[in-house]
Amino acid sequence: MKLGISEAFRKYGATLKNANWSVSSWANDKTLVVSLWDHHCLKGYDPGILAFGDRFDRWSGPGNKEFRANVTRAFEIGAVIRLVLTRAKEPGRVQLGEDGSKIPKIFTVRNDLIGRVAEINGENYLIEFRKSAA
């Protein structure tokens, strides 16, 4: 069964503000749920860590504004991050800044991972995930 983004977020207890453009939302347990592109996974990173890095300014619109605010807040308070991994069928279109809602994709809930925002440096952010102890 194909999983939609809203259903993926609900599996963590989070509700998207707008399923057409939201890619982050706070869950009832005060964790931040984020949808990250699988092609932004950093290769050759530390063993045992799945790291994702990108630039806030690579795309624009209300989803970006919401994502930037949520990731920044999570960094400031040290919040736990939960991952919805998003695989674009055409990642090159994503990288060109096309509207991600128009690009075919697959969503996977990665409830085996617990993350934190490791760094925000100007427009760059880095989120690191480790295997959950549970």
N, C-alpha and C. Protein backbone atom coordinates (compact mmCIF):
# COMPACT_ATOMS: atom_id res chain seq x y z
N MET A 1 0.83 -1.18 0.00
CA MET A 1 0.00 0.00 0.00
C MET A 1 0.88 1.25 0.00
N LYS A 2 0.58 2.17 -0.90
CA LYS A 2 1.33 3.42 -1.01
C LYS A 2 0.93 4.35 0.13
N LEU A 3 1.94 4.92 0.78
CA LEU A 3 1.74 5.80 1.92
C LEU A 3 1.81 7.26 1.47
N GLY A 4 0.79 8.05 1.81
CA GLY A 4 0.81 9.47 1.52
C GLY A 4 1.52 10.24 2.62
N ILE A 5 1.90 11.47 2.35
CA ILE A 5 2.65 12.26 3.33
C ILE A 5 1.84 12.50 4.61
N SER A 6 0.56 12.79 4.49
CA SER A 6 -0.26 13.05 5.69
C SER A 6 -0.32 11.82 6.58
N GLU A 7 -0.50 10.65 5.97
CA GLU A 7 -0.56 9.40 6.74
C GLU A 7 0.79 9.11 7.39
N ALA A 8 1.88 9.37 6.68
CA ALA A 8 3.21 9.15 7.25
C ALA A 8 3.42 10.01 8.49
N PHE A 9 3.02 11.26 8.44
CA PHE A 9 3.15 12.15 9.59
C PHE A 9 2.25 11.70 10.74
N ARG A 10 1.04 11.24 10.42
CA ARG A 10 0.11 10.77 11.45
C ARG A 10 0.68 9.58 12.23
N LYS A 11 1.51 8.77 11.59
CA LYS A 11 2.12 7.62 12.28
C LYS A 11 3.00 8.07 13.44
N TYR A 12 3.46 9.32 13.41
CA TYR A 12 4.24 9.90 14.51
C TYR A 12 3.39 10.79 15.42
N GLY A 13 2.09 10.89 15.15
CA GLY A 13 1.23 11.75 15.95
C GLY A 13 1.30 13.21 15.53
N ALA A 14 1.71 13.47 14.30
CA ALA A 14 1.82 14.85 13.80
C ALA A 14 0.80 15.07 12.68
N THR A 15 0.31 16.30 12.61
CA THR A 15 -0.64 16.68 11.56
C THR A 15 -0.03 17.82 10.76
N LEU A 16 -0.02 17.67 9.45
CA LEU A 16 0.50 18.72 8.59
C LEU A 16 -0.47 19.90 8.53
N LYS A 17 0.08 21.10 8.54
CA LYS A 17 -0.74 22.30 8.40
C LYS A 17 -1.42 22.31 7.03
N ASN A 18 -0.67 21.90 5.99
CA ASN A 18 -1.18 21.85 4.64
C ASN A 18 -0.48 20.72 3.90
N ALA A 19 -1.21 19.68 3.51
CA ALA A 19 -0.60 18.50 2.86
C ALA A 19 0.02 18.83 1.50
N ASN A 20 -0.30 19.98 0.92
CA ASN A 20 0.28 20.35 -0.37
C ASN A 20 1.66 20.96 -0.25
N TRP A 21 1.96 21.59 0.90
CA TRP A 21 3.27 22.24 0.99
C TRP A 21 4.03 22.01 2.31
N SER A 22 3.39 21.55 3.35
CA SER A 22 4.09 21.32 4.62
C SER A 22 5.01 20.10 4.51
N VAL A 23 6.20 20.21 5.08
CA VAL A 23 7.15 19.09 5.13
C VAL A 23 7.71 18.92 6.54
N SER A 24 7.09 19.58 7.50
CA SER A 24 7.49 19.45 8.90
C SER A 24 6.30 19.78 9.78
N SER A 25 6.27 19.13 10.95
CA SER A 25 5.18 19.38 11.89
C SER A 25 5.58 18.86 13.26
N TRP A 26 5.12 19.55 14.30
CA TRP A 26 5.37 19.12 15.67
C TRP A 26 4.34 18.08 16.06
N ALA A 27 4.81 16.99 16.65
CA ALA A 27 3.93 15.92 17.13
C ALA A 27 3.47 16.24 18.55
N ASN A 28 2.49 15.50 19.00
CA ASN A 28 1.94 15.68 20.35
C ASN A 28 2.99 15.49 21.43
N ASP A 29 4.01 14.67 21.17
CA ASP A 29 5.04 14.40 22.18
C ASP A 29 6.20 15.39 22.11
N LYS A 30 6.01 16.50 21.41
CA LYS A 30 7.00 17.59 21.31
C LYS A 30 8.20 17.23 20.45
N THR A 31 8.08 16.19 19.62
CA THR A 31 9.13 15.89 18.65
C THR A 31 8.77 16.58 17.34
N LEU A 32 9.79 16.89 16.55
CA LEU A 32 9.56 17.47 15.24
C LEU A 32 9.66 16.36 14.20
N VAL A 33 8.63 16.24 13.39
CA VAL A 33 8.63 15.28 12.29
C VAL A 33 8.98 16.05 11.03
N VAL A 34 9.96 15.53 10.28
CA VAL A 34 10.38 16.18 9.03
C VAL A 34 10.37 15.18 7.88
N SER A 35 10.06 15.67 6.73
CA SER A 35 10.19 14.91 5.50
C SER A 35 11.47 15.39 4.83
N LEU A 36 12.41 14.46 4.62
CA LEU A 36 13.69 14.80 3.99
C LEU A 36 13.89 13.93 2.76
N TRP A 37 14.47 14.53 1.73
CA TRP A 37 14.75 13.80 0.49
C TRP A 37 15.87 12.79 0.71
N ASP A 38 15.68 11.58 0.25
CA ASP A 38 16.72 10.56 0.44
C ASP A 38 18.01 10.92 -0.28
N HIS A 39 17.92 11.68 -1.36
CA HIS A 39 19.15 12.04 -2.08
C HIS A 39 19.95 13.15 -1.37
N HIS A 40 19.43 13.66 -0.25
CA HIS A 40 20.18 14.61 0.57
C HIS A 40 20.91 13.91 1.72
N CYS A 41 20.86 12.58 1.73
CA CYS A 41 21.62 11.81 2.71
C CYS A 41 23.10 11.94 2.35
N LEU A 42 23.90 12.31 3.33
CA LEU A 42 25.32 12.56 3.09
C LEU A 42 26.10 11.25 3.07
N LYS A 43 26.81 11.00 1.99
CA LYS A 43 27.61 9.79 1.83
C LYS A 43 28.93 9.94 2.57
N GLY A 44 29.43 8.83 3.10
CA GLY A 44 30.73 8.85 3.75
C GLY A 44 30.73 9.52 5.10
N TYR A 45 29.57 9.63 5.73
CA TYR A 45 29.46 10.25 7.04
C TYR A 45 29.89 9.23 8.10
N ASP A 46 29.92 9.64 9.35
CA ASP A 46 30.32 8.74 10.43
C ASP A 46 29.49 7.46 10.44
N PRO A 47 30.14 6.30 10.70
CA PRO A 47 29.38 5.05 10.79
C PRO A 47 28.34 5.14 11.92
N GLY A 48 27.19 4.57 11.68
CA GLY A 48 26.14 4.58 12.69
C GLY A 48 25.28 5.83 12.69
N ILE A 49 25.61 6.78 11.84
CA ILE A 49 24.84 8.02 11.75
C ILE A 49 24.34 8.19 10.31
N LEU A 50 23.06 8.44 10.18
CA LEU A 50 22.47 8.79 8.89
C LEU A 50 22.27 10.30 8.93
N ALA A 51 23.02 11.02 8.12
CA ALA A 51 23.00 12.48 8.16
C ALA A 51 22.41 13.05 6.87
N PHE A 52 21.64 14.12 7.04
CA PHE A 52 21.03 14.81 5.92
C PHE A 52 21.41 16.28 5.99
N GLY A 53 21.86 16.82 4.88
CA GLY A 53 22.21 18.23 4.83
C GLY A 53 21.65 18.87 3.58
N ASP A 54 21.30 20.13 3.71
CA ASP A 54 20.77 20.89 2.58
C ASP A 54 20.83 22.36 2.94
N ARG A 55 20.29 23.18 2.05
CA ARG A 55 20.22 24.63 2.26
C ARG A 55 18.76 25.04 2.35
N PHE A 56 18.47 25.89 3.32
CA PHE A 56 17.11 26.42 3.44
C PHE A 56 16.70 27.19 2.18
N ASP A 57 17.65 27.90 1.58
CA ASP A 57 17.31 28.76 0.45
C ASP A 57 17.28 28.04 -0.91
N ARG A 58 17.37 26.70 -0.91
CA ARG A 58 17.31 25.96 -2.17
C ARG A 58 15.91 26.01 -2.77
N TRP A 59 14.91 26.24 -1.93
CA TRP A 59 13.53 26.32 -2.40
C TRP A 59 12.80 27.41 -1.61
N SER A 60 11.60 27.74 -2.04
CA SER A 60 10.88 28.84 -1.40
C SER A 60 9.41 28.47 -1.24
N GLY A 61 8.68 29.37 -0.61
CA GLY A 61 7.25 29.17 -0.43
C GLY A 61 6.91 28.95 1.04
N PRO A 62 5.60 28.79 1.34
CA PRO A 62 5.18 28.66 2.72
C PRO A 62 5.74 27.41 3.42
N GLY A 63 5.92 26.32 2.69
CA GLY A 63 6.49 25.11 3.29
C GLY A 63 7.93 25.33 3.73
N ASN A 64 8.66 26.10 2.95
CA ASN A 64 10.05 26.41 3.31
C ASN A 64 10.09 27.27 4.56
N LYS A 65 9.24 28.28 4.60
CA LYS A 65 9.20 29.19 5.77
C LYS A 65 8.87 28.40 7.03
N GLU A 66 7.89 27.50 6.94
CA GLU A 66 7.51 26.67 8.07
C GLU A 66 8.64 25.72 8.46
N PHE A 67 9.26 25.07 7.48
CA PHE A 67 10.36 24.13 7.73
C PHE A 67 11.53 24.83 8.40
N ARG A 68 11.91 25.99 7.87
CA ARG A 68 13.03 26.77 8.43
C ARG A 68 12.75 27.12 9.90
N ALA A 69 11.54 27.59 10.19
CA ALA A 69 11.18 27.97 11.55
C ALA A 69 11.19 26.75 12.48
N ASN A 70 10.64 25.63 12.01
CA ASN A 70 10.58 24.43 12.83
C ASN A 70 11.96 23.83 13.10
N VAL A 71 12.79 23.76 12.07
CA VAL A 71 14.14 23.20 12.24
C VAL A 71 14.98 24.11 13.14
N THR A 72 14.84 25.41 12.97
CA THR A 72 15.57 26.36 13.82
C THR A 72 15.13 26.22 15.27
N ARG A 73 13.84 26.12 15.50
CA ARG A 73 13.34 25.95 16.88
C ARG A 73 13.84 24.63 17.46
N ALA A 74 13.80 23.55 16.67
CA ALA A 74 14.27 22.24 17.14
C ALA A 74 15.75 22.31 17.52
N PHE A 75 16.54 23.05 16.75
CA PHE A 75 17.96 23.22 17.05
C PHE A 75 18.14 23.98 18.36
N GLU A 76 17.38 25.06 18.52
CA GLU A 76 17.51 25.91 19.71
C GLU A 76 17.12 25.18 20.99
N ILE A 77 16.12 24.31 20.94
CA ILE A 77 15.65 23.63 22.15
C ILE A 77 16.17 22.19 22.26
N GLY A 78 16.89 21.72 21.26
CA GLY A 78 17.44 20.36 21.30
C GLY A 78 16.38 19.28 21.15
N ALA A 79 15.33 19.58 20.38
CA ALA A 79 14.21 18.65 20.21
C ALA A 79 14.62 17.40 19.43
N VAL A 80 13.93 16.32 19.72
CA VAL A 80 14.08 15.07 18.97
C VAL A 80 13.42 15.26 17.60
N ILE A 81 14.06 14.69 16.58
CA ILE A 81 13.54 14.74 15.21
C ILE A 81 13.16 13.32 14.79
N ARG A 82 12.01 13.20 14.14
CA ARG A 82 11.57 11.92 13.57
C ARG A 82 11.52 12.09 12.06
N LEU A 83 11.82 11.01 11.33
CA LEU A 83 12.05 11.09 9.89
C LEU A 83 10.96 10.42 9.06
N VAL A 84 10.47 11.16 8.07
CA VAL A 84 9.72 10.61 6.95
C VAL A 84 10.67 10.75 5.77
N LEU A 85 11.18 9.62 5.30
CA LEU A 85 12.13 9.62 4.19
C LEU A 85 11.36 9.70 2.88
N THR A 86 11.75 10.65 2.04
CA THR A 86 11.04 10.90 0.79
C THR A 86 11.98 10.64 -0.38
N ARG A 87 11.56 9.72 -1.25
CA ARG A 87 12.37 9.37 -2.42
C ARG A 87 11.68 9.92 -3.67
N ALA A 88 12.35 10.85 -4.32
CA ALA A 88 11.82 11.44 -5.55
C ALA A 88 12.16 10.52 -6.72
N LYS A 89 11.21 10.33 -7.61
CA LYS A 89 11.48 9.53 -8.81
C LYS A 89 12.44 10.27 -9.74
N GLU A 90 12.45 11.61 -9.63
CA GLU A 90 13.35 12.43 -10.45
C GLU A 90 14.03 13.46 -9.55
N PRO A 91 15.07 13.06 -8.80
CA PRO A 91 15.71 13.97 -7.84
C PRO A 91 16.34 15.21 -8.49
N GLY A 92 16.71 15.13 -9.74
CA GLY A 92 17.28 16.28 -10.42
C GLY A 92 16.30 17.45 -10.47
N ARG A 93 15.03 17.15 -10.61
CA ARG A 93 14.01 18.20 -10.63
C ARG A 93 13.93 18.89 -9.27
N VAL A 94 14.08 18.10 -8.21
CA VAL A 94 14.07 18.67 -6.85
C VAL A 94 15.23 19.64 -6.70
N GLN A 95 16.41 19.21 -7.15
CA GLN A 95 17.61 20.02 -7.00
C GLN A 95 17.53 21.32 -7.79
N LEU A 96 16.76 21.33 -8.85
CA LEU A 96 16.59 22.55 -9.64
C LEU A 96 15.59 23.51 -9.00
N GLY A 97 14.98 23.08 -7.88
CA GLY A 97 14.06 23.96 -7.17
C GLY A 97 12.63 23.87 -7.64
N GLU A 98 12.31 22.83 -8.44
CA GLU A 98 10.92 22.67 -8.89
C GLU A 98 10.01 22.41 -7.69
N ASP A 99 8.74 22.65 -7.87
CA ASP A 99 7.74 22.42 -6.84
C ASP A 99 7.70 20.93 -6.51
N GLY A 100 8.16 20.57 -5.31
CA GLY A 100 8.24 19.18 -4.90
C GLY A 100 6.90 18.48 -4.86
N SER A 101 5.81 19.24 -4.69
CA SER A 101 4.50 18.61 -4.65
C SER A 101 4.09 18.06 -6.00
N LYS A 102 4.75 18.50 -7.06
CA LYS A 102 4.41 18.07 -8.42
C LYS A 102 5.30 16.92 -8.91
N ILE A 103 6.27 16.52 -8.09
CA ILE A 103 7.23 15.48 -8.48
C ILE A 103 6.81 14.16 -7.85
N PRO A 104 6.69 13.08 -8.65
CA PRO A 104 6.32 11.78 -8.07
C PRO A 104 7.33 11.34 -7.02
N LYS A 105 6.80 10.80 -5.90
CA LYS A 105 7.68 10.42 -4.80
C LYS A 105 7.06 9.31 -3.97
N ILE A 106 7.90 8.70 -3.14
CA ILE A 106 7.49 7.64 -2.23
C ILE A 106 7.89 8.05 -0.82
N PHE A 107 6.98 7.87 0.14
CA PHE A 107 7.24 8.23 1.54
C PHE A 107 7.43 6.96 2.37
N THR A 108 8.45 6.97 3.23
CA THR A 108 8.72 5.86 4.13
C THR A 108 8.90 6.38 5.54
N VAL A 109 8.18 5.80 6.49
CA VAL A 109 8.32 6.16 7.90
C VAL A 109 9.53 5.41 8.45
N ARG A 110 10.48 6.15 9.02
CA ARG A 110 11.69 5.54 9.58
C ARG A 110 11.64 5.65 11.10
N ASN A 111 10.71 4.91 11.72
CA ASN A 111 10.57 4.99 13.17
C ASN A 111 11.67 4.26 13.92
N ASP A 112 12.63 3.69 13.19
CA ASP A 112 13.80 3.06 13.81
C ASP A 112 14.90 4.08 14.09
N LEU A 113 14.69 5.33 13.68
CA LEU A 113 15.71 6.37 13.81
C LEU A 113 15.24 7.52 14.71
N ILE A 114 16.18 8.05 15.48
CA ILE A 114 15.95 9.24 16.31
C ILE A 114 16.99 10.26 15.89
N GLY A 115 16.56 11.50 15.66
CA GLY A 115 17.50 12.51 15.18
C GLY A 115 17.53 13.77 16.01
N ARG A 116 18.51 14.59 15.69
CA ARG A 116 18.67 15.93 16.26
C ARG A 116 19.23 16.82 15.16
N VAL A 117 18.91 18.12 15.25
CA VAL A 117 19.54 19.09 14.35
C VAL A 117 20.95 19.30 14.91
N ALA A 118 21.95 18.89 14.15
CA ALA A 118 23.33 18.97 14.61
C ALA A 118 23.93 20.34 14.38
N GLU A 119 23.47 21.02 13.32
CA GLU A 119 24.09 22.30 12.98
C GLU A 119 23.17 23.13 12.09
N ILE A 120 23.19 24.42 12.33
CA ILE A 120 22.64 25.40 11.40
C ILE A 120 23.72 26.44 11.23
N ASN A 121 24.13 26.64 10.00
CA ASN A 121 25.20 27.58 9.69
C ASN A 121 24.74 28.43 8.52
N GLY A 122 24.21 29.60 8.82
CA GLY A 122 23.65 30.44 7.76
C GLY A 122 22.46 29.74 7.13
N GLU A 123 22.54 29.47 5.84
CA GLU A 123 21.45 28.80 5.12
C GLU A 123 21.57 27.28 5.16
N ASN A 124 22.68 26.76 5.69
CA ASN A 124 22.92 25.32 5.71
C ASN A 124 22.42 24.70 7.01
N TYR A 125 21.84 23.51 6.89
CA TYR A 125 21.45 22.76 8.09
C TYR A 125 21.91 21.31 7.95
N LEU A 126 22.11 20.69 9.10
CA LEU A 126 22.54 19.29 9.16
C LEU A 126 21.72 18.60 10.24
N ILE A 127 21.06 17.50 9.86
CA ILE A 127 20.29 16.71 10.81
C ILE A 127 20.88 15.30 10.84
N GLU A 128 21.18 14.82 12.04
CA GLU A 128 21.79 13.50 12.22
C GLU A 128 20.80 12.56 12.89
N PHE A 129 20.73 11.32 12.38
CA PHE A 129 19.85 10.29 12.92
C PHE A 129 20.70 9.09 13.34
N ARG A 130 20.28 8.48 14.45
CA ARG A 130 20.90 7.27 14.95
C ARG A 130 19.79 6.24 15.17
N LYS A 131 20.18 4.97 15.19
CA LYS A 131 19.21 3.91 15.48
C LYS A 131 18.60 4.13 16.86
N SER A 132 17.31 3.94 16.95
CA SER A 132 16.59 4.07 18.22
C SER A 132 16.95 2.91 19.12
N ALA A 133 17.07 3.17 20.41
CA ALA A 133 17.38 2.12 21.39
C ALA A 133 16.19 1.20 21.60
N ALA A 134 15.00 1.70 21.31
CA ALA A 134 13.77 0.90 21.54
C ALA A 134 13.56 -0.14 20.46
